[in-house]
N, C-alpha and C. Protein backbone atom coordinates (compact mmCIF):
# COMPACT_ATOMS: atom_id res chain seq x y z
N MET A 1 80.12 282.41 -10.97
CA MET A 1 80.64 283.67 -11.47
C MET A 1 80.91 284.56 -10.26
N ARG A 2 82.04 285.25 -10.29
CA ARG A 2 82.40 286.18 -9.22
C ARG A 2 82.59 287.56 -9.82
N LYS A 3 82.15 288.58 -9.10
CA LYS A 3 82.35 289.95 -9.58
C LYS A 3 82.94 290.77 -8.45
N HIS A 4 84.04 291.43 -8.75
CA HIS A 4 84.66 292.32 -7.78
C HIS A 4 85.46 293.37 -8.52
N ASP A 5 85.44 294.56 -8.03
CA ASP A 5 86.11 295.76 -8.55
C ASP A 5 86.18 295.81 -10.09
N GLY A 6 85.01 295.70 -10.73
CA GLY A 6 84.91 295.86 -12.17
C GLY A 6 85.32 294.64 -12.99
N ARG A 7 85.70 293.57 -12.32
CA ARG A 7 86.12 292.37 -13.05
C ARG A 7 85.13 291.25 -12.80
N VAL A 8 84.83 290.52 -13.83
CA VAL A 8 83.99 289.33 -13.71
C VAL A 8 84.87 288.13 -14.02
N ARG A 9 84.82 287.14 -13.17
CA ARG A 9 85.64 285.95 -13.37
C ARG A 9 84.76 284.73 -13.17
N PHE A 10 84.77 283.82 -14.11
CA PHE A 10 84.03 282.59 -13.90
C PHE A 10 84.86 281.40 -14.34
N PHE A 11 84.66 280.32 -13.64
CA PHE A 11 85.40 279.09 -13.90
C PHE A 11 84.44 278.09 -14.51
N GLN A 12 84.92 277.35 -15.47
CA GLN A 12 84.12 276.31 -16.08
C GLN A 12 84.78 274.99 -15.69
N MET A 13 84.28 274.38 -14.64
CA MET A 13 84.87 273.13 -14.17
C MET A 13 84.14 271.97 -14.82
N ARG A 14 84.87 271.19 -15.58
CA ARG A 14 84.31 270.02 -16.22
C ARG A 14 85.32 268.88 -16.07
N TRP A 15 84.83 267.71 -15.78
CA TRP A 15 85.71 266.57 -15.60
C TRP A 15 86.18 266.01 -16.93
N PHE A 16 85.32 266.01 -17.93
CA PHE A 16 85.64 265.32 -19.17
C PHE A 16 86.10 266.25 -20.28
N LYS A 17 86.07 267.54 -20.07
CA LYS A 17 86.51 268.48 -21.10
C LYS A 17 87.51 269.44 -20.47
N ALA A 18 87.92 270.40 -21.27
CA ALA A 18 88.89 271.39 -20.78
C ALA A 18 88.27 272.24 -19.69
N LYS A 19 89.12 272.69 -18.76
CA LYS A 19 88.69 273.61 -17.72
C LYS A 19 89.20 274.98 -18.12
N ASN A 20 88.29 275.85 -18.48
CA ASN A 20 88.69 277.18 -18.91
C ASN A 20 88.48 278.18 -17.79
N ILE A 21 89.40 279.11 -17.67
CA ILE A 21 89.25 280.21 -16.73
C ILE A 21 89.05 281.46 -17.57
N VAL A 22 87.89 282.10 -17.39
CA VAL A 22 87.54 283.27 -18.18
C VAL A 22 87.46 284.47 -17.25
N GLU A 23 88.17 285.54 -17.59
CA GLU A 23 88.12 286.79 -16.84
C GLU A 23 87.68 287.90 -17.78
N ILE A 24 86.71 288.69 -17.33
CA ILE A 24 86.25 289.83 -18.11
C ILE A 24 86.41 291.07 -17.25
N SER A 25 87.13 292.06 -17.78
CA SER A 25 87.31 293.29 -17.02
C SER A 25 87.00 294.49 -17.92
N ASP A 26 86.48 295.54 -17.29
CA ASP A 26 86.12 296.77 -18.00
C ASP A 26 87.14 297.82 -17.60
N ARG A 27 88.02 298.16 -18.54
CA ARG A 27 89.09 299.11 -18.25
C ARG A 27 89.21 300.14 -19.36
N GLU A 28 89.31 301.39 -18.97
CA GLU A 28 89.63 302.50 -19.88
C GLU A 28 88.81 302.48 -21.17
N GLY A 29 87.50 302.32 -21.03
CA GLY A 29 86.62 302.38 -22.19
C GLY A 29 86.60 301.14 -23.06
N GLU A 30 87.20 300.06 -22.59
CA GLU A 30 87.17 298.81 -23.36
C GLU A 30 86.99 297.61 -22.44
N LEU A 31 86.43 296.56 -23.00
CA LEU A 31 86.33 295.29 -22.28
C LEU A 31 87.54 294.45 -22.62
N GLN A 32 88.07 293.77 -21.63
CA GLN A 32 89.16 292.84 -21.87
C GLN A 32 88.71 291.47 -21.40
N VAL A 33 88.74 290.52 -22.32
CA VAL A 33 88.37 289.14 -22.01
C VAL A 33 89.63 288.31 -22.10
N ARG A 34 89.93 287.60 -21.03
CA ARG A 34 91.12 286.74 -20.98
C ARG A 34 90.65 285.32 -20.73
N VAL A 35 91.05 284.40 -21.61
CA VAL A 35 90.65 283.00 -21.48
C VAL A 35 91.91 282.15 -21.36
N ALA A 36 92.05 281.47 -20.23
CA ALA A 36 93.16 280.54 -20.01
C ALA A 36 92.63 279.13 -20.24
N LEU A 37 93.19 278.44 -21.22
CA LEU A 37 92.73 277.11 -21.59
C LEU A 37 93.57 276.06 -20.90
N GLN A 38 92.89 275.08 -20.33
CA GLN A 38 93.58 273.97 -19.68
C GLN A 38 92.86 272.69 -20.07
N SER A 39 93.58 271.59 -20.06
CA SER A 39 92.95 270.33 -20.45
C SER A 39 92.51 269.55 -19.23
N GLY A 40 91.40 268.82 -19.38
CA GLY A 40 90.89 267.97 -18.31
C GLY A 40 91.67 266.66 -18.28
N GLU A 41 92.15 266.26 -17.12
CA GLU A 41 92.98 265.07 -17.02
C GLU A 41 92.20 263.81 -17.38
N ILE A 42 90.94 263.74 -16.96
CA ILE A 42 90.14 262.56 -17.28
C ILE A 42 89.92 262.48 -18.78
N ASN A 43 89.70 263.63 -19.43
CA ASN A 43 89.53 263.64 -20.89
C ASN A 43 90.78 263.13 -21.59
N LEU A 44 91.96 263.54 -21.10
CA LEU A 44 93.20 263.05 -21.69
C LEU A 44 93.32 261.54 -21.56
N ALA A 45 93.04 261.03 -20.37
CA ALA A 45 93.15 259.59 -20.14
C ALA A 45 92.13 258.82 -20.99
N LEU A 46 90.90 259.31 -21.06
CA LEU A 46 89.88 258.63 -21.86
C LEU A 46 90.22 258.68 -23.35
N SER A 47 90.68 259.82 -23.83
CA SER A 47 91.05 259.94 -25.24
C SER A 47 92.18 258.99 -25.59
N ALA A 48 93.19 258.93 -24.72
CA ALA A 48 94.31 258.02 -24.96
C ALA A 48 93.83 256.57 -24.93
N GLY A 49 92.97 256.25 -23.97
CA GLY A 49 92.43 254.89 -23.87
C GLY A 49 91.60 254.51 -25.09
N PHE A 50 90.72 255.42 -25.54
CA PHE A 50 89.92 255.14 -26.72
C PHE A 50 90.78 255.02 -27.97
N LEU A 51 91.83 255.83 -28.04
CA LEU A 51 92.72 255.75 -29.19
C LEU A 51 93.41 254.38 -29.23
N LEU A 52 93.94 253.93 -28.10
CA LEU A 52 94.61 252.62 -28.05
C LEU A 52 93.62 251.49 -28.32
N LEU A 53 92.43 251.56 -27.72
CA LEU A 53 91.40 250.55 -27.96
C LEU A 53 90.99 250.53 -29.43
N GLY A 54 90.82 251.72 -30.01
CA GLY A 54 90.44 251.81 -31.42
C GLY A 54 91.49 251.21 -32.34
N VAL A 55 92.77 251.49 -32.06
CA VAL A 55 93.85 250.94 -32.88
C VAL A 55 93.89 249.42 -32.74
N TYR A 56 93.74 248.92 -31.51
CA TYR A 56 93.74 247.48 -31.29
C TYR A 56 92.59 246.81 -32.03
N LEU A 57 91.38 247.36 -31.87
CA LEU A 57 90.22 246.78 -32.55
C LEU A 57 90.33 246.90 -34.06
N LEU A 58 90.95 247.96 -34.52
CA LEU A 58 91.18 248.15 -35.95
C LEU A 58 92.06 247.02 -36.50
N LEU A 59 93.07 246.64 -35.71
CA LEU A 59 93.98 245.58 -36.15
C LEU A 59 93.34 244.21 -36.15
N VAL A 60 92.39 243.97 -35.23
CA VAL A 60 91.78 242.63 -35.14
C VAL A 60 90.43 242.54 -35.86
N SER A 61 89.90 243.64 -36.34
CA SER A 61 88.59 243.60 -37.01
C SER A 61 88.73 242.93 -38.37
N ARG A 62 87.63 242.31 -38.83
CA ARG A 62 87.68 241.53 -40.06
C ARG A 62 87.00 242.20 -41.24
N SER A 63 86.00 243.06 -40.98
CA SER A 63 85.28 243.65 -42.11
C SER A 63 85.72 245.10 -42.31
N TRP A 64 85.59 245.58 -43.56
CA TRP A 64 85.98 246.94 -43.89
C TRP A 64 85.05 247.96 -43.25
N GLY A 65 83.77 247.62 -43.06
CA GLY A 65 82.83 248.53 -42.42
C GLY A 65 83.23 248.82 -40.98
N GLU A 66 83.59 247.77 -40.24
CA GLU A 66 84.06 247.93 -38.85
C GLU A 66 85.33 248.77 -38.81
N ARG A 67 86.23 248.50 -39.73
CA ARG A 67 87.50 249.23 -39.76
C ARG A 67 87.28 250.72 -40.02
N LEU A 68 86.34 251.04 -40.90
CA LEU A 68 86.06 252.44 -41.21
C LEU A 68 85.51 253.17 -39.99
N ILE A 69 84.56 252.54 -39.30
CA ILE A 69 83.98 253.15 -38.09
C ILE A 69 85.06 253.34 -37.02
N LEU A 70 85.88 252.32 -36.81
CA LEU A 70 86.94 252.41 -35.81
C LEU A 70 87.99 253.45 -36.19
N LEU A 71 88.26 253.58 -37.47
CA LEU A 71 89.22 254.59 -37.92
C LEU A 71 88.71 256.00 -37.63
N VAL A 72 87.41 256.24 -37.83
CA VAL A 72 86.83 257.55 -37.53
C VAL A 72 86.89 257.81 -36.03
N LEU A 73 86.56 256.83 -35.20
CA LEU A 73 86.62 257.00 -33.75
C LEU A 73 88.05 257.24 -33.27
N ALA A 74 89.01 256.53 -33.85
CA ALA A 74 90.41 256.73 -33.47
C ALA A 74 90.88 258.13 -33.88
N ALA A 75 90.45 258.59 -35.06
CA ALA A 75 90.83 259.94 -35.51
C ALA A 75 90.25 261.01 -34.59
N ASP A 76 89.01 260.82 -34.12
CA ASP A 76 88.40 261.77 -33.20
C ASP A 76 89.15 261.80 -31.87
N SER A 77 89.53 260.63 -31.36
CA SER A 77 90.30 260.57 -30.10
C SER A 77 91.67 261.22 -30.27
N LEU A 78 92.30 261.00 -31.41
CA LEU A 78 93.59 261.63 -31.68
C LEU A 78 93.46 263.14 -31.76
N ASP A 79 92.36 263.62 -32.38
CA ASP A 79 92.09 265.05 -32.46
C ASP A 79 91.94 265.65 -31.06
N ASP A 80 91.23 264.97 -30.17
CA ASP A 80 91.07 265.44 -28.78
C ASP A 80 92.42 265.52 -28.07
N LEU A 81 93.26 264.50 -28.26
CA LEU A 81 94.58 264.50 -27.62
C LEU A 81 95.45 265.64 -28.12
N VAL A 82 95.47 265.84 -29.43
CA VAL A 82 96.28 266.92 -30.00
C VAL A 82 95.81 268.27 -29.48
N LYS A 83 94.49 268.50 -29.47
CA LYS A 83 93.96 269.77 -28.94
C LYS A 83 94.37 269.97 -27.50
N ALA A 84 94.28 268.92 -26.69
CA ALA A 84 94.60 269.04 -25.27
C ALA A 84 96.07 269.40 -25.06
N PHE A 85 96.97 268.77 -25.79
CA PHE A 85 98.39 269.05 -25.61
C PHE A 85 98.80 270.38 -26.22
N VAL A 86 98.26 270.73 -27.37
CA VAL A 86 98.63 271.97 -28.03
C VAL A 86 98.11 273.18 -27.27
N MET A 87 96.89 273.11 -26.78
CA MET A 87 96.26 274.27 -26.17
C MET A 87 96.48 274.38 -24.67
N LYS A 88 97.05 273.37 -24.03
CA LYS A 88 97.22 273.41 -22.58
C LYS A 88 98.05 274.62 -22.17
N GLY A 89 97.49 275.42 -21.28
CA GLY A 89 98.18 276.59 -20.76
C GLY A 89 98.13 277.81 -21.67
N SER A 90 97.43 277.70 -22.80
CA SER A 90 97.34 278.84 -23.71
C SER A 90 96.43 279.92 -23.13
N VAL A 91 96.78 281.16 -23.42
CA VAL A 91 95.96 282.30 -22.99
C VAL A 91 95.60 283.09 -24.24
N MET A 92 94.32 283.33 -24.41
CA MET A 92 93.82 284.16 -25.50
C MET A 92 93.23 285.42 -24.88
N LYS A 93 93.47 286.56 -25.52
CA LYS A 93 92.94 287.83 -25.02
C LYS A 93 92.12 288.48 -26.11
N LEU A 94 90.95 288.96 -25.73
CA LEU A 94 90.07 289.69 -26.64
C LEU A 94 89.82 291.05 -26.04
N ARG A 95 90.14 292.11 -26.80
CA ARG A 95 89.85 293.47 -26.37
C ARG A 95 88.71 293.99 -27.24
N VAL A 96 87.69 294.51 -26.58
CA VAL A 96 86.51 295.02 -27.27
C VAL A 96 86.37 296.49 -26.93
N SER A 97 86.30 297.33 -27.97
CA SER A 97 86.13 298.77 -27.77
C SER A 97 84.98 299.24 -28.64
N SER A 98 84.70 300.53 -28.58
CA SER A 98 83.63 301.08 -29.40
C SER A 98 83.98 301.06 -30.89
N THR A 99 85.26 300.87 -31.21
CA THR A 99 85.67 300.84 -32.62
C THR A 99 85.76 299.42 -33.18
N GLY A 100 85.97 298.41 -32.33
CA GLY A 100 86.06 297.06 -32.87
C GLY A 100 86.59 296.03 -31.88
N LEU A 101 87.09 294.94 -32.44
CA LEU A 101 87.58 293.79 -31.68
C LEU A 101 89.04 293.53 -32.02
N GLU A 102 89.82 293.19 -31.02
CA GLU A 102 91.22 292.85 -31.23
C GLU A 102 91.53 291.59 -30.44
N VAL A 103 92.02 290.57 -31.13
CA VAL A 103 92.38 289.31 -30.49
C VAL A 103 93.89 289.17 -30.48
N GLU A 104 94.40 288.81 -29.32
CA GLU A 104 95.83 288.56 -29.17
C GLU A 104 95.98 287.09 -28.80
N GLY A 105 96.56 286.32 -29.72
CA GLY A 105 96.70 284.89 -29.51
C GLY A 105 98.12 284.48 -29.24
N ARG A 106 98.36 283.18 -29.37
CA ARG A 106 99.69 282.64 -29.12
C ARG A 106 100.67 283.02 -30.21
N SER A 107 100.17 283.23 -31.42
CA SER A 107 101.04 283.58 -32.54
C SER A 107 100.39 284.70 -33.34
N SER A 108 101.13 285.22 -34.31
CA SER A 108 100.57 286.28 -35.14
C SER A 108 99.41 285.76 -35.98
N ARG A 109 99.40 284.45 -36.28
CA ARG A 109 98.30 283.85 -37.03
C ARG A 109 97.00 283.86 -36.23
N ASP A 110 97.12 283.78 -34.91
CA ASP A 110 95.95 283.78 -34.03
C ASP A 110 95.47 285.19 -33.71
N SER A 111 96.24 286.20 -34.06
CA SER A 111 95.90 287.59 -33.73
C SER A 111 95.07 288.21 -34.85
N THR A 112 94.08 289.02 -34.45
CA THR A 112 93.14 289.59 -35.41
C THR A 112 92.68 290.96 -34.94
N ASN A 113 92.45 291.86 -35.89
CA ASN A 113 91.82 293.15 -35.64
C ASN A 113 90.61 293.27 -36.56
N LEU A 114 89.44 293.52 -36.00
CA LEU A 114 88.23 293.70 -36.78
C LEU A 114 87.52 294.96 -36.30
N SER A 115 87.09 295.79 -37.24
CA SER A 115 86.27 296.94 -36.85
C SER A 115 84.82 296.48 -36.78
N TRP A 116 83.99 297.21 -36.06
CA TRP A 116 82.58 296.83 -35.94
C TRP A 116 81.89 296.88 -37.30
N GLN A 117 82.40 297.68 -38.23
CA GLN A 117 81.80 297.76 -39.56
C GLN A 117 81.97 296.45 -40.33
N GLU A 118 83.01 295.67 -39.99
CA GLU A 118 83.25 294.39 -40.64
C GLU A 118 82.44 293.26 -40.02
N VAL A 119 81.94 293.45 -38.81
CA VAL A 119 81.31 292.37 -38.05
C VAL A 119 79.79 292.48 -38.15
N SER A 120 79.16 291.38 -38.56
CA SER A 120 77.69 291.39 -38.63
C SER A 120 77.07 290.62 -37.47
N GLY A 121 77.86 290.08 -36.58
CA GLY A 121 77.32 289.40 -35.40
C GLY A 121 78.35 288.52 -34.72
N LEU A 122 78.08 288.20 -33.46
CA LEU A 122 78.91 287.30 -32.67
C LEU A 122 78.06 286.09 -32.31
N GLU A 123 78.62 284.91 -32.43
CA GLU A 123 77.86 283.70 -32.11
C GLU A 123 78.80 282.57 -31.76
N TYR A 124 78.20 281.46 -31.33
CA TYR A 124 78.96 280.26 -31.00
C TYR A 124 79.08 279.37 -32.23
N GLN A 125 80.27 278.86 -32.48
CA GLN A 125 80.47 277.88 -33.56
C GLN A 125 80.69 276.51 -32.92
N GLU A 126 79.89 275.53 -33.32
CA GLU A 126 80.05 274.16 -32.85
C GLU A 126 81.38 273.61 -33.34
N SER A 127 82.01 272.77 -32.52
CA SER A 127 83.24 272.13 -32.98
C SER A 127 82.88 270.86 -33.74
N GLY A 128 83.71 270.53 -34.69
CA GLY A 128 83.52 269.32 -35.49
C GLY A 128 84.76 268.46 -35.40
N LEU A 129 84.84 267.48 -36.27
CA LEU A 129 85.97 266.56 -36.23
C LEU A 129 87.30 267.29 -36.38
N PHE A 130 87.42 268.17 -37.36
CA PHE A 130 88.65 268.94 -37.52
C PHE A 130 88.34 270.43 -37.59
N ARG A 131 87.33 270.88 -36.85
CA ARG A 131 86.95 272.29 -36.81
C ARG A 131 86.83 272.71 -35.35
N LYS A 132 87.48 273.79 -35.00
CA LYS A 132 87.44 274.29 -33.63
C LYS A 132 86.11 274.96 -33.36
N GLY A 133 85.64 274.84 -32.14
CA GLY A 133 84.45 275.56 -31.71
C GLY A 133 84.85 276.75 -30.87
N GLY A 134 83.93 277.71 -30.73
CA GLY A 134 84.23 278.86 -29.89
C GLY A 134 83.48 280.09 -30.34
N LEU A 135 83.94 281.26 -29.90
CA LEU A 135 83.33 282.55 -30.23
C LEU A 135 83.70 282.94 -31.66
N LEU A 136 82.68 283.12 -32.48
CA LEU A 136 82.85 283.40 -33.90
C LEU A 136 82.31 284.78 -34.22
N ALA A 137 83.05 285.54 -35.03
CA ALA A 137 82.58 286.83 -35.54
C ALA A 137 82.13 286.61 -36.98
N ARG A 138 80.84 286.81 -37.23
CA ARG A 138 80.34 286.74 -38.61
C ARG A 138 80.72 288.02 -39.32
N ARG A 139 81.15 287.91 -40.56
CA ARG A 139 81.61 289.07 -41.31
C ARG A 139 80.78 289.29 -42.56
N GLY A 140 79.55 288.82 -42.56
CA GLY A 140 78.68 288.99 -43.73
C GLY A 140 78.88 287.86 -44.71
N GLY A 141 77.78 287.38 -45.27
CA GLY A 141 77.86 286.26 -46.22
C GLY A 141 78.39 285.02 -45.52
N LEU A 142 79.28 284.33 -46.18
CA LEU A 142 79.85 283.10 -45.62
C LEU A 142 81.17 283.33 -44.90
N ARG A 143 81.65 284.56 -44.89
CA ARG A 143 82.93 284.84 -44.24
C ARG A 143 82.73 284.96 -42.74
N SER A 144 83.67 284.43 -42.00
CA SER A 144 83.64 284.54 -40.55
C SER A 144 85.05 284.35 -40.01
N LYS A 145 85.23 284.70 -38.73
CA LYS A 145 86.55 284.59 -38.09
C LYS A 145 86.35 284.05 -36.68
N LEU A 146 87.02 282.97 -36.36
CA LEU A 146 86.97 282.41 -35.02
C LEU A 146 87.86 283.25 -34.11
N LEU A 147 87.25 283.90 -33.12
CA LEU A 147 87.99 284.80 -32.24
C LEU A 147 88.60 284.07 -31.05
N LEU A 148 87.79 283.30 -30.34
CA LEU A 148 88.26 282.57 -29.16
C LEU A 148 87.94 281.09 -29.33
N PRO A 149 88.91 280.28 -29.75
CA PRO A 149 88.63 278.85 -29.93
C PRO A 149 88.58 278.10 -28.60
N PHE A 150 87.97 276.93 -28.65
CA PHE A 150 87.94 275.97 -27.54
C PHE A 150 87.17 276.44 -26.32
N ILE A 151 86.24 277.38 -26.48
CA ILE A 151 85.34 277.70 -25.38
C ILE A 151 83.96 277.16 -25.74
N ASP A 152 83.17 276.85 -24.74
CA ASP A 152 81.89 276.22 -25.02
C ASP A 152 80.77 277.24 -25.19
N ARG A 153 79.57 276.72 -25.43
CA ARG A 153 78.41 277.57 -25.70
C ARG A 153 78.09 278.49 -24.53
N ARG A 154 78.15 277.97 -23.30
CA ARG A 154 77.84 278.80 -22.11
C ARG A 154 78.83 279.92 -21.94
N GLU A 155 80.11 279.63 -22.12
CA GLU A 155 81.13 280.67 -22.00
C GLU A 155 80.95 281.72 -23.08
N THR A 156 80.65 281.28 -24.30
CA THR A 156 80.42 282.21 -25.41
C THR A 156 79.22 283.10 -25.12
N LYS A 157 78.14 282.53 -24.59
CA LYS A 157 76.94 283.31 -24.27
C LYS A 157 77.24 284.36 -23.21
N LYS A 158 77.97 283.99 -22.18
CA LYS A 158 78.32 284.95 -21.13
C LYS A 158 79.17 286.09 -21.68
N ILE A 159 80.13 285.75 -22.53
CA ILE A 159 81.01 286.78 -23.09
C ILE A 159 80.22 287.72 -24.00
N THR A 160 79.39 287.16 -24.89
CA THR A 160 78.62 288.02 -25.81
C THR A 160 77.60 288.86 -25.05
N ASP A 161 77.00 288.33 -23.98
CA ASP A 161 76.07 289.13 -23.17
C ASP A 161 76.76 290.34 -22.57
N VAL A 162 77.97 290.15 -22.05
CA VAL A 162 78.71 291.27 -21.46
C VAL A 162 79.10 292.27 -22.54
N ILE A 163 79.52 291.79 -23.72
CA ILE A 163 79.89 292.69 -24.82
C ILE A 163 78.69 293.52 -25.24
N TYR A 164 77.54 292.87 -25.44
CA TYR A 164 76.35 293.59 -25.90
C TYR A 164 75.79 294.52 -24.82
N GLU A 165 75.99 294.19 -23.56
CA GLU A 165 75.56 295.08 -22.48
C GLU A 165 76.44 296.33 -22.46
N ARG A 166 77.73 296.15 -22.66
CA ARG A 166 78.67 297.27 -22.61
C ARG A 166 78.62 298.11 -23.89
N PHE A 167 78.42 297.45 -25.04
CA PHE A 167 78.38 298.12 -26.34
C PHE A 167 77.07 297.78 -27.05
N PRO A 168 75.96 298.40 -26.65
CA PRO A 168 74.65 298.04 -27.22
C PRO A 168 74.54 298.30 -28.71
N LEU A 169 75.27 299.24 -29.26
CA LEU A 169 75.22 299.50 -30.70
C LEU A 169 75.76 298.33 -31.51
N ALA A 170 76.66 297.55 -30.92
CA ALA A 170 77.18 296.37 -31.61
C ALA A 170 76.07 295.34 -31.81
N GLU A 171 75.19 295.20 -30.84
CA GLU A 171 74.08 294.25 -30.96
C GLU A 171 73.09 294.72 -32.00
N MET A 172 72.87 296.03 -32.09
CA MET A 172 71.93 296.57 -33.06
C MET A 172 72.43 296.31 -34.47
N ALA A 173 73.73 296.27 -34.69
CA ALA A 173 74.29 296.07 -36.02
C ALA A 173 74.24 294.61 -36.47
N GLU A 174 73.90 293.71 -35.54
CA GLU A 174 73.90 292.30 -35.85
C GLU A 174 72.83 291.93 -36.85
N GLU A 175 73.22 291.12 -37.84
CA GLU A 175 72.27 290.61 -38.83
C GLU A 175 71.33 289.63 -38.15
N LYS A 176 70.07 289.73 -38.42
CA LYS A 176 69.11 288.75 -37.89
C LYS A 176 69.00 287.61 -38.88
N ARG A 177 69.06 286.39 -38.38
CA ARG A 177 68.97 285.22 -39.23
C ARG A 177 67.59 284.64 -39.21
């Protein structure tokens, strides 16, 4: 992590997963979090290799049980490849102020405005087979909104720590589980 002139920047270097560049800056009474998503080259090669191997083994396997397991593994590898190609070079921006959270994504579907009154907490959401992981805003009950997809638990923890340090009342409003 590097800190200079009010900006915090940290790199998440991983060989087998995406390499995210996260910048946090404190400007004009608000925090700005910028996440640049990039795909790991080794992850792309391994996913493509596992997908091809899975398809080949699926074609030569004899039992339905083997085919089902291989089909799930091939679907997971395909999901990794799609995520890597779709998200490569994407930039997500999160602005946090005393009034709420604003996300600016690649499209209007990815963009969100939430007031602090709507948010009952910020946490990490694990990724699943067809579910994105990342920074999640709980909105009470079972409702929630994924704010920054494709970031890991450590990146989410660093971002939420900075948000709660800058806006301590937001942490006080969080529901305890």
